[in-house]
């Protein structure tokens, strides 16, 4: 199935699919609202739009924790959630207003490569 969306977020999703064709799911997310701006899933059981909303809460809670700990001058670059068979990566833009949510199979995907793909593509969202 070809993904087609010519918005900036859609182009990011297309680029990530091209770079990591075996991904499980990907979404570009508005960090303020939790709304998915563009998404794609290769798994019928994983809805990236639903996951985007829940992962927005992960980002917000980490930001609150950083504030409570007075970690001034620090910003979240990415968040890694390691499951038994998957990596869930949240890569924030420099401004923190958007993030890319990526799910890959941990047995099939090199984590360093996945992080580099996200780093490359998130720069186009700023």
N, C-alpha and C. Protein backbone atom coordinates (compact mmCIF):
# COMPACT_ATOMS: atom_id res chain seq x y z
N UNK A 1 0.84 -1.18 0.00
CA UNK A 1 0.00 0.00 0.00
C UNK A 1 0.89 1.25 0.00
N UNK A 2 0.70 2.11 -0.93
CA UNK A 2 1.48 3.35 -1.02
C UNK A 2 0.85 4.41 -0.13
N UNK A 3 1.69 5.15 0.55
CA UNK A 3 1.23 6.23 1.40
C UNK A 3 1.34 7.52 0.62
N UNK A 4 0.27 8.31 0.59
CA UNK A 4 0.35 9.58 -0.15
C UNK A 4 -0.29 10.70 0.67
N UNK A 5 0.52 11.65 1.02
CA UNK A 5 0.09 12.85 1.74
C UNK A 5 1.20 13.86 1.48
N UNK A 6 0.87 14.95 0.82
CA UNK A 6 1.90 15.92 0.44
C UNK A 6 2.14 17.02 1.47
N UNK A 7 1.53 16.91 2.64
CA UNK A 7 1.81 17.87 3.71
C UNK A 7 3.23 17.65 4.21
N UNK A 8 3.81 18.63 4.91
CA UNK A 8 5.16 18.40 5.48
C UNK A 8 5.23 17.14 6.35
N UNK A 9 4.20 16.93 7.18
CA UNK A 9 4.18 15.74 8.03
C UNK A 9 4.06 14.48 7.18
N UNK A 10 3.24 14.54 6.14
CA UNK A 10 3.08 13.39 5.25
C UNK A 10 4.36 13.04 4.54
N UNK A 11 5.11 14.07 4.14
CA UNK A 11 6.39 13.82 3.47
C UNK A 11 7.39 13.18 4.43
N UNK A 12 7.35 13.57 5.70
CA UNK A 12 8.23 12.95 6.70
C UNK A 12 7.87 11.48 6.85
N UNK A 13 6.58 11.18 6.96
CA UNK A 13 6.15 9.78 7.07
C UNK A 13 6.60 8.99 5.85
N UNK A 14 6.42 9.54 4.66
CA UNK A 14 6.86 8.88 3.43
C UNK A 14 8.36 8.60 3.46
N UNK A 15 9.15 9.57 3.90
CA UNK A 15 10.60 9.41 3.96
C UNK A 15 11.02 8.34 4.94
N UNK A 16 10.35 8.27 6.09
CA UNK A 16 10.69 7.26 7.08
C UNK A 16 10.31 5.87 6.57
N UNK A 17 9.16 5.76 5.90
CA UNK A 17 8.76 4.47 5.31
C UNK A 17 9.82 4.03 4.29
N UNK A 18 10.31 4.97 3.50
CA UNK A 18 11.33 4.63 2.50
C UNK A 18 12.62 4.16 3.16
N UNK A 19 13.00 4.80 4.28
CA UNK A 19 14.24 4.46 4.96
C UNK A 19 14.13 3.21 5.84
N UNK A 20 12.95 2.97 6.38
CA UNK A 20 12.72 1.81 7.27
C UNK A 20 11.46 1.08 6.81
N UNK A 21 11.50 0.43 5.67
CA UNK A 21 10.28 -0.18 5.13
C UNK A 21 9.67 -1.27 6.01
N UNK A 22 10.46 -1.86 6.91
CA UNK A 22 9.93 -2.91 7.78
C UNK A 22 9.35 -2.38 9.09
N UNK A 23 9.20 -1.05 9.20
CA UNK A 23 8.66 -0.47 10.43
C UNK A 23 7.28 -1.04 10.72
N UNK A 24 6.90 -0.99 12.00
CA UNK A 24 5.56 -1.44 12.40
C UNK A 24 4.58 -0.29 12.22
N UNK A 25 4.96 0.91 12.70
CA UNK A 25 4.08 2.08 12.57
C UNK A 25 4.90 3.35 12.74
N UNK A 26 4.35 4.45 12.22
CA UNK A 26 4.99 5.75 12.36
C UNK A 26 3.90 6.82 12.36
N UNK A 27 4.14 7.88 13.11
CA UNK A 27 3.22 9.02 13.12
C UNK A 27 4.00 10.30 13.41
N UNK A 28 3.55 11.39 12.82
CA UNK A 28 4.03 12.72 13.17
C UNK A 28 2.92 13.32 14.03
N UNK A 29 3.29 13.81 15.21
CA UNK A 29 2.31 14.16 16.22
C UNK A 29 2.48 15.60 16.68
N UNK A 30 1.36 16.31 16.84
CA UNK A 30 1.35 17.64 17.47
C UNK A 30 1.44 17.40 18.97
N UNK A 31 2.52 17.84 19.59
CA UNK A 31 2.77 17.56 21.00
C UNK A 31 1.81 18.29 21.93
N UNK A 32 1.20 19.37 21.47
CA UNK A 32 0.25 20.10 22.30
C UNK A 32 -1.09 19.41 22.40
N UNK A 33 -1.61 18.96 21.27
CA UNK A 33 -2.95 18.38 21.24
C UNK A 33 -2.96 16.86 21.27
N UNK A 34 -1.85 16.24 20.88
CA UNK A 34 -1.82 14.78 20.78
C UNK A 34 -2.39 14.26 19.47
N UNK A 35 -2.74 15.17 18.59
CA UNK A 35 -3.32 14.78 17.31
C UNK A 35 -2.22 14.35 16.34
N UNK A 36 -2.49 13.29 15.63
CA UNK A 36 -1.58 12.81 14.60
C UNK A 36 -1.75 13.68 13.36
N UNK A 37 -0.65 14.20 12.83
CA UNK A 37 -0.67 15.04 11.63
C UNK A 37 -0.55 14.19 10.37
N UNK A 38 0.08 13.03 10.50
CA UNK A 38 0.21 12.05 9.42
C UNK A 38 0.66 10.76 10.07
N UNK A 39 0.20 9.62 9.54
CA UNK A 39 0.58 8.35 10.15
C UNK A 39 0.48 7.22 9.14
N UNK A 40 1.10 6.10 9.51
CA UNK A 40 1.06 4.90 8.68
C UNK A 40 1.33 3.71 9.58
N UNK A 41 0.66 2.60 9.32
CA UNK A 41 0.91 1.38 10.07
C UNK A 41 0.99 0.19 9.12
N UNK A 42 1.95 -0.68 9.36
CA UNK A 42 2.05 -1.94 8.64
C UNK A 42 1.42 -3.08 9.44
N UNK A 43 0.82 -2.73 10.58
CA UNK A 43 0.22 -3.73 11.47
C UNK A 43 -1.24 -3.38 11.70
N UNK A 44 -2.16 -4.28 11.37
CA UNK A 44 -3.57 -3.97 11.58
C UNK A 44 -3.93 -3.83 13.06
N UNK A 45 -3.09 -4.35 13.95
CA UNK A 45 -3.39 -4.29 15.38
C UNK A 45 -2.85 -3.04 16.06
N UNK A 46 -2.06 -2.23 15.37
CA UNK A 46 -1.50 -1.03 15.99
C UNK A 46 -2.00 0.21 15.25
N UNK A 47 -2.81 0.99 15.94
CA UNK A 47 -3.33 2.24 15.38
C UNK A 47 -2.41 3.37 15.82
N UNK A 48 -1.60 3.93 14.92
CA UNK A 48 -0.64 4.96 15.32
C UNK A 48 -1.30 6.25 15.79
N UNK A 49 -2.53 6.52 15.35
CA UNK A 49 -3.21 7.74 15.79
C UNK A 49 -3.62 7.64 17.26
N UNK A 50 -4.10 6.48 17.67
CA UNK A 50 -4.42 6.25 19.08
C UNK A 50 -3.15 6.28 19.92
N UNK A 51 -2.12 5.60 19.44
CA UNK A 51 -0.85 5.57 20.17
C UNK A 51 -0.26 6.97 20.31
N UNK A 52 -0.44 7.81 19.28
CA UNK A 52 0.09 9.18 19.32
C UNK A 52 -0.49 9.95 20.50
N UNK A 53 -1.79 9.81 20.71
CA UNK A 53 -2.44 10.54 21.82
C UNK A 53 -1.88 10.09 23.16
N UNK A 54 -1.72 8.80 23.35
CA UNK A 54 -1.19 8.30 24.62
C UNK A 54 0.28 8.68 24.81
N UNK A 55 1.05 8.64 23.75
CA UNK A 55 2.46 8.98 23.87
C UNK A 55 2.68 10.47 24.08
N UNK A 56 1.73 11.29 23.69
CA UNK A 56 1.80 12.72 24.01
C UNK A 56 1.81 12.90 25.52
N UNK A 57 1.05 12.07 26.22
CA UNK A 57 1.03 12.14 27.69
C UNK A 57 2.38 11.74 28.28
N UNK A 58 3.06 10.79 27.66
CA UNK A 58 4.41 10.40 28.10
C UNK A 58 5.34 11.61 28.01
N UNK A 59 5.29 12.31 26.88
CA UNK A 59 6.13 13.49 26.67
C UNK A 59 5.80 14.57 27.70
N UNK A 60 4.51 14.84 27.89
CA UNK A 60 4.10 15.90 28.83
C UNK A 60 4.52 15.57 30.26
N UNK A 61 4.39 14.31 30.66
CA UNK A 61 4.78 13.93 32.01
C UNK A 61 6.29 14.04 32.22
N UNK A 62 7.07 13.68 31.20
CA UNK A 62 8.52 13.82 31.32
C UNK A 62 8.91 15.29 31.40
N UNK A 63 8.22 16.14 30.65
CA UNK A 63 8.48 17.58 30.73
C UNK A 63 8.15 18.11 32.13
N UNK A 64 7.06 17.63 32.72
CA UNK A 64 6.70 18.04 34.08
C UNK A 64 7.75 17.57 35.08
N UNK A 65 8.23 16.35 34.92
CA UNK A 65 9.27 15.82 35.81
C UNK A 65 10.54 16.63 35.71
N UNK A 66 10.91 17.00 34.49
CA UNK A 66 12.12 17.81 34.29
C UNK A 66 11.96 19.17 34.96
N UNK A 67 10.78 19.74 34.87
CA UNK A 67 10.52 21.03 35.50
C UNK A 67 10.60 20.90 37.03
N UNK A 68 10.00 19.85 37.57
CA UNK A 68 10.03 19.63 39.01
C UNK A 68 11.45 19.41 39.52
N UNK A 69 12.28 18.82 38.70
CA UNK A 69 13.68 18.57 39.07
C UNK A 69 14.58 19.76 38.75
N UNK A 70 13.96 20.82 38.23
CA UNK A 70 14.69 22.05 37.88
C UNK A 70 15.84 21.77 36.92
N UNK A 71 15.56 20.98 35.90
CA UNK A 71 16.56 20.66 34.89
C UNK A 71 16.53 21.74 33.81
N UNK A 72 16.83 22.97 34.20
CA UNK A 72 16.81 24.08 33.25
C UNK A 72 17.94 23.92 32.25
N UNK A 73 17.69 24.33 31.05
CA UNK A 73 18.69 24.21 30.01
C UNK A 73 18.69 22.85 29.34
N UNK A 74 17.90 21.94 29.84
CA UNK A 74 17.80 20.61 29.25
C UNK A 74 16.52 20.54 28.42
N UNK A 75 16.55 19.71 27.37
CA UNK A 75 15.34 19.45 26.59
C UNK A 75 15.32 17.98 26.21
N UNK A 76 14.15 17.47 25.99
CA UNK A 76 14.02 16.08 25.58
C UNK A 76 14.41 15.98 24.11
N UNK A 77 15.33 15.11 23.81
CA UNK A 77 15.68 14.83 22.42
C UNK A 77 14.88 13.65 21.92
N UNK A 78 14.94 12.54 22.66
CA UNK A 78 14.12 11.41 22.31
C UNK A 78 13.80 10.59 23.55
N UNK A 79 12.79 9.76 23.42
CA UNK A 79 12.39 8.85 24.49
C UNK A 79 12.32 7.47 23.86
N UNK A 80 12.97 6.50 24.50
CA UNK A 80 12.96 5.13 24.03
C UNK A 80 12.18 4.26 25.02
N UNK A 81 11.22 3.53 24.50
CA UNK A 81 10.49 2.56 25.30
C UNK A 81 10.78 1.20 24.68
N UNK A 82 11.45 0.35 25.45
CA UNK A 82 11.83 -0.98 24.98
C UNK A 82 10.81 -1.99 25.48
N UNK A 83 10.11 -2.63 24.55
CA UNK A 83 9.21 -3.71 24.89
C UNK A 83 9.91 -5.03 24.59
N UNK A 84 9.28 -6.14 24.89
CA UNK A 84 9.95 -7.42 24.68
C UNK A 84 10.27 -7.68 23.21
N UNK A 85 9.45 -7.18 22.28
CA UNK A 85 9.68 -7.42 20.86
C UNK A 85 9.74 -6.15 20.01
N UNK A 86 9.55 -5.00 20.63
CA UNK A 86 9.49 -3.76 19.86
C UNK A 86 10.25 -2.64 20.56
N UNK A 87 10.70 -1.69 19.74
CA UNK A 87 11.19 -0.41 20.23
C UNK A 87 10.15 0.64 19.85
N UNK A 88 9.78 1.48 20.80
CA UNK A 88 8.92 2.63 20.54
C UNK A 88 9.79 3.86 20.78
N UNK A 89 9.98 4.65 19.74
CA UNK A 89 10.83 5.83 19.81
C UNK A 89 10.00 7.09 19.63
N UNK A 90 10.23 8.06 20.48
CA UNK A 90 9.60 9.37 20.36
C UNK A 90 10.72 10.37 20.14
N UNK A 91 10.76 11.00 18.99
CA UNK A 91 11.81 11.97 18.65
C UNK A 91 11.17 13.33 18.53
N UNK A 92 11.55 14.25 19.42
CA UNK A 92 10.97 15.59 19.44
C UNK A 92 11.72 16.54 18.52
N UNK A 93 10.98 17.52 18.00
CA UNK A 93 11.61 18.60 17.24
C UNK A 93 12.39 19.48 18.22
N UNK A 94 13.24 20.34 17.69
CA UNK A 94 14.02 21.25 18.55
C UNK A 94 13.11 22.13 19.40
N UNK A 95 11.99 22.54 18.85
CA UNK A 95 11.07 23.41 19.58
C UNK A 95 10.17 22.62 20.53
N UNK A 96 10.10 21.31 20.35
CA UNK A 96 9.28 20.47 21.22
C UNK A 96 7.80 20.50 20.90
N UNK A 97 7.41 21.17 19.80
CA UNK A 97 5.98 21.28 19.50
C UNK A 97 5.45 20.10 18.69
N UNK A 98 6.34 19.27 18.16
CA UNK A 98 5.94 18.08 17.41
C UNK A 98 6.93 16.96 17.75
N UNK A 99 6.48 15.73 17.50
CA UNK A 99 7.40 14.61 17.62
C UNK A 99 7.02 13.53 16.62
N UNK A 100 8.01 12.70 16.32
CA UNK A 100 7.78 11.53 15.49
C UNK A 100 7.70 10.33 16.42
N UNK A 101 6.67 9.55 16.22
CA UNK A 101 6.48 8.31 16.98
C UNK A 101 6.76 7.15 16.02
N UNK A 102 7.71 6.31 16.37
CA UNK A 102 8.11 5.20 15.52
C UNK A 102 8.07 3.90 16.31
N UNK A 103 7.50 2.87 15.70
CA UNK A 103 7.50 1.53 16.28
C UNK A 103 8.21 0.61 15.30
N UNK A 104 9.22 -0.10 15.79
CA UNK A 104 9.94 -1.08 14.98
C UNK A 104 10.08 -2.38 15.76
N UNK A 105 10.25 -3.46 15.04
CA UNK A 105 10.51 -4.76 15.65
C UNK A 105 11.96 -4.76 16.13
N UNK A 106 12.18 -5.03 17.40
CA UNK A 106 13.53 -4.96 17.97
C UNK A 106 14.46 -6.02 17.42
N UNK A 107 13.93 -7.09 16.88
CA UNK A 107 14.78 -8.15 16.32
C UNK A 107 15.21 -7.85 14.89
N UNK A 108 14.44 -7.00 14.20
CA UNK A 108 14.69 -6.73 12.78
C UNK A 108 15.35 -5.39 12.51
N UNK A 109 15.40 -4.52 13.51
CA UNK A 109 15.84 -3.15 13.27
C UNK A 109 16.99 -2.78 14.20
N UNK A 110 18.02 -2.20 13.64
CA UNK A 110 19.15 -1.69 14.41
C UNK A 110 18.71 -0.37 15.04
N UNK A 111 18.78 -0.28 16.36
CA UNK A 111 18.32 0.91 17.08
C UNK A 111 19.07 2.17 16.66
N UNK A 112 20.37 2.05 16.44
CA UNK A 112 21.16 3.22 16.03
C UNK A 112 20.71 3.74 14.67
N UNK A 113 20.40 2.83 13.76
CA UNK A 113 19.92 3.25 12.44
C UNK A 113 18.55 3.91 12.56
N UNK A 114 17.67 3.33 13.35
CA UNK A 114 16.34 3.92 13.54
C UNK A 114 16.45 5.33 14.12
N UNK A 115 17.32 5.51 15.10
CA UNK A 115 17.51 6.84 15.69
C UNK A 115 18.07 7.83 14.67
N UNK A 116 18.99 7.40 13.84
CA UNK A 116 19.56 8.28 12.82
C UNK A 116 18.51 8.66 11.79
N UNK A 117 17.67 7.73 11.38
CA UNK A 117 16.58 8.04 10.45
C UNK A 117 15.67 9.10 11.06
N UNK A 118 15.31 8.95 12.32
CA UNK A 118 14.44 9.94 12.97
C UNK A 118 15.13 11.29 13.07
N UNK A 119 16.41 11.29 13.45
CA UNK A 119 17.16 12.55 13.58
C UNK A 119 17.15 13.29 12.25
N UNK A 120 17.36 12.59 11.17
CA UNK A 120 17.38 13.20 9.84
C UNK A 120 16.02 13.79 9.48
N UNK A 121 14.96 13.04 9.72
CA UNK A 121 13.63 13.47 9.29
C UNK A 121 13.00 14.51 10.21
N UNK A 122 13.30 14.46 11.50
CA UNK A 122 12.68 15.42 12.42
C UNK A 122 13.15 16.85 12.12
N UNK A 123 14.34 16.97 11.57
CA UNK A 123 14.89 18.30 11.25
C UNK A 123 14.03 19.02 10.22
N UNK A 124 13.31 18.29 9.37
CA UNK A 124 12.48 18.92 8.35
C UNK A 124 11.14 19.41 8.91
N UNK A 125 10.84 19.07 10.17
CA UNK A 125 9.58 19.48 10.80
C UNK A 125 9.68 20.81 11.53
N UNK A 126 10.88 21.27 11.81
CA UNK A 126 11.06 22.50 12.60
C UNK A 126 10.51 23.73 11.92
